[in-house]
């Protein structure tokens, strides 16, 4: 399995994808995107790939995924033959989806909590 990961080394969502890929033994081709101090994510070339200009982005063949939860699910479904990371049983699958939502909200609120003195 191969895919290109458009990545910034300090981005938490990019880290989630890199970590899941490593846990599954998948080595993506990393394309660094300079989002700070640069604005490469706002370039015409990047916006053609992801109109939102956000990271991470995973590209495999004609498939382009533009957020961490969808990339994590795709990785688990395509690279995890044990079903450890994306179970097929409805109860554990729902719990996994719940955890993805929780972790996404937690990561999204972390900068605001830190700025407000709650982190």
Protein backbone atom coordinates (compact mmCIF):
# COMPACT_ATOMS: atom_id res chain seq x y z
CA UNK A 1 0.00 0.00 0.00
CA UNK A 2 1.33 3.42 -0.86
CA UNK A 3 0.03 6.94 -0.53
CA UNK A 4 1.26 10.50 -0.39
CA UNK A 5 0.80 12.37 2.89
CA UNK A 6 0.84 16.15 2.66
CA UNK A 7 2.19 16.98 6.07
CA UNK A 8 3.50 19.58 8.47
CA UNK A 9 5.69 18.09 11.18
CA UNK A 10 4.12 20.13 14.01
CA UNK A 11 0.48 19.61 13.02
CA UNK A 12 -1.37 17.36 15.51
CA UNK A 13 -3.68 15.85 12.88
CA UNK A 14 -0.73 15.05 10.63
CA UNK A 15 0.92 13.36 13.61
CA UNK A 16 -2.16 11.17 14.12
CA UNK A 17 -1.90 9.96 10.53
CA UNK A 18 1.86 9.39 10.70
CA UNK A 19 1.41 7.45 13.96
CA UNK A 20 -1.38 5.23 12.57
CA UNK A 21 0.64 4.54 9.44
CA UNK A 22 3.65 3.56 11.56
CA UNK A 23 1.53 1.29 13.77
CA UNK A 24 0.27 -0.45 10.63
CA UNK A 25 3.72 -0.70 9.05
CA UNK A 26 2.78 1.65 6.21
CA UNK A 27 5.38 4.13 4.97
CA UNK A 28 3.74 7.03 3.17
CA UNK A 29 5.59 9.31 0.82
CA UNK A 30 5.79 12.52 2.87
CA UNK A 31 5.33 15.84 1.11
CA UNK A 32 6.19 18.67 3.48
CA UNK A 33 3.83 21.65 3.30
CA UNK A 34 5.20 24.90 4.70
CA UNK A 35 2.25 26.35 6.64
CA UNK A 36 4.31 28.35 9.11
CA UNK A 37 5.90 30.74 8.54
CA UNK A 38 5.01 30.05 4.90
CA UNK A 39 1.57 29.80 3.33
CA UNK A 40 2.16 26.95 0.91
CA UNK A 41 -1.23 25.50 1.90
CA UNK A 42 -2.86 28.54 0.30
CA UNK A 43 -1.04 28.17 -3.02
CA UNK A 44 -3.06 27.46 -6.15
CA UNK A 45 -1.44 24.02 -6.47
CA UNK A 46 -2.38 22.98 -2.92
CA UNK A 47 -5.88 24.48 -3.11
CA UNK A 48 -6.46 22.43 -6.27
CA UNK A 49 -5.78 19.35 -4.15
CA UNK A 50 -7.71 20.54 -1.07
CA UNK A 51 -9.88 23.65 -1.51
CA UNK A 52 -10.03 24.13 2.27
CA UNK A 53 -6.24 24.55 2.41
CA UNK A 54 -5.98 22.33 5.50
CA UNK A 55 -3.75 19.45 6.55
CA UNK A 56 -3.42 16.54 6.52
CA UNK A 57 -4.17 15.39 2.99
CA UNK A 58 -3.68 11.82 1.80
CA UNK A 59 -3.61 10.95 -1.89
CA UNK A 60 -3.64 7.44 -3.32
CA UNK A 61 -4.34 7.07 -7.01
CA UNK A 62 -7.47 9.10 -7.68
CA UNK A 63 -8.52 9.16 -4.01
CA UNK A 64 -7.87 12.35 -2.04
CA UNK A 65 -8.81 12.55 1.64
CA UNK A 66 -8.62 15.88 3.46
CA UNK A 67 -9.09 15.28 7.17
CA UNK A 68 -7.49 13.10 9.81
CA UNK A 69 -10.55 11.02 10.81
CA UNK A 70 -11.28 9.92 7.24
CA UNK A 71 -7.60 9.16 6.61
CA UNK A 72 -7.36 7.12 9.83
CA UNK A 73 -10.44 5.06 8.91
CA UNK A 74 -9.15 4.55 5.36
CA UNK A 75 -5.76 3.40 6.68
CA UNK A 76 -7.38 0.99 9.11
CA UNK A 77 -9.71 -0.46 6.48
CA UNK A 78 -7.00 -0.88 3.86
CA UNK A 79 -3.94 -1.86 5.92
CA UNK A 80 -5.18 -3.56 9.10
CA UNK A 81 -6.00 -7.20 8.37
CA UNK A 82 -6.50 -7.92 12.10
CA UNK A 83 -9.45 -5.47 12.37
CA UNK A 84 -7.88 -4.19 15.59
CA UNK A 85 -8.10 -0.56 14.53
CA UNK A 86 -11.45 -0.67 12.71
CA UNK A 87 -13.60 -3.54 13.95
CA UNK A 88 -16.46 -4.79 11.77
CA UNK A 89 -18.71 -5.61 14.76
CA UNK A 90 -21.27 -2.74 15.12
CA UNK A 91 -20.73 -2.11 18.87
CA UNK A 92 -16.94 -1.80 18.83
CA UNK A 93 -17.13 0.04 15.48
CA UNK A 94 -19.46 2.65 17.01
CA UNK A 95 -17.13 3.02 20.00
CA UNK A 96 -14.20 3.55 17.63
CA UNK A 97 -16.15 6.23 15.73
CA UNK A 98 -17.06 7.86 19.03
CA UNK A 99 -13.38 7.96 20.01
CA UNK A 100 -12.44 9.52 16.65
CA UNK A 101 -15.01 12.26 17.20
CA UNK A 102 -13.86 12.86 20.79
CA UNK A 103 -10.18 13.01 19.85
CA UNK A 104 -10.91 15.36 16.96
CA UNK A 105 -12.88 17.75 19.21
CA UNK A 106 -10.20 17.54 21.90
CA UNK A 107 -7.40 18.36 19.47
CA UNK A 108 -9.42 21.18 17.91
CA UNK A 109 -10.09 22.80 21.30
CA UNK A 110 -6.55 22.45 22.67
CA UNK A 111 -5.17 25.75 21.24
CA UNK A 112 -8.17 27.70 22.56
CA UNK A 113 -7.91 26.09 26.00
CA UNK A 114 -4.21 26.89 26.13
CA UNK A 115 -4.78 30.55 25.16
CA UNK A 116 -7.50 30.85 27.84
CA UNK A 117 -5.24 29.45 30.57
CA UNK A 118 -7.07 26.11 30.79
CA UNK A 119 -4.32 23.99 29.25
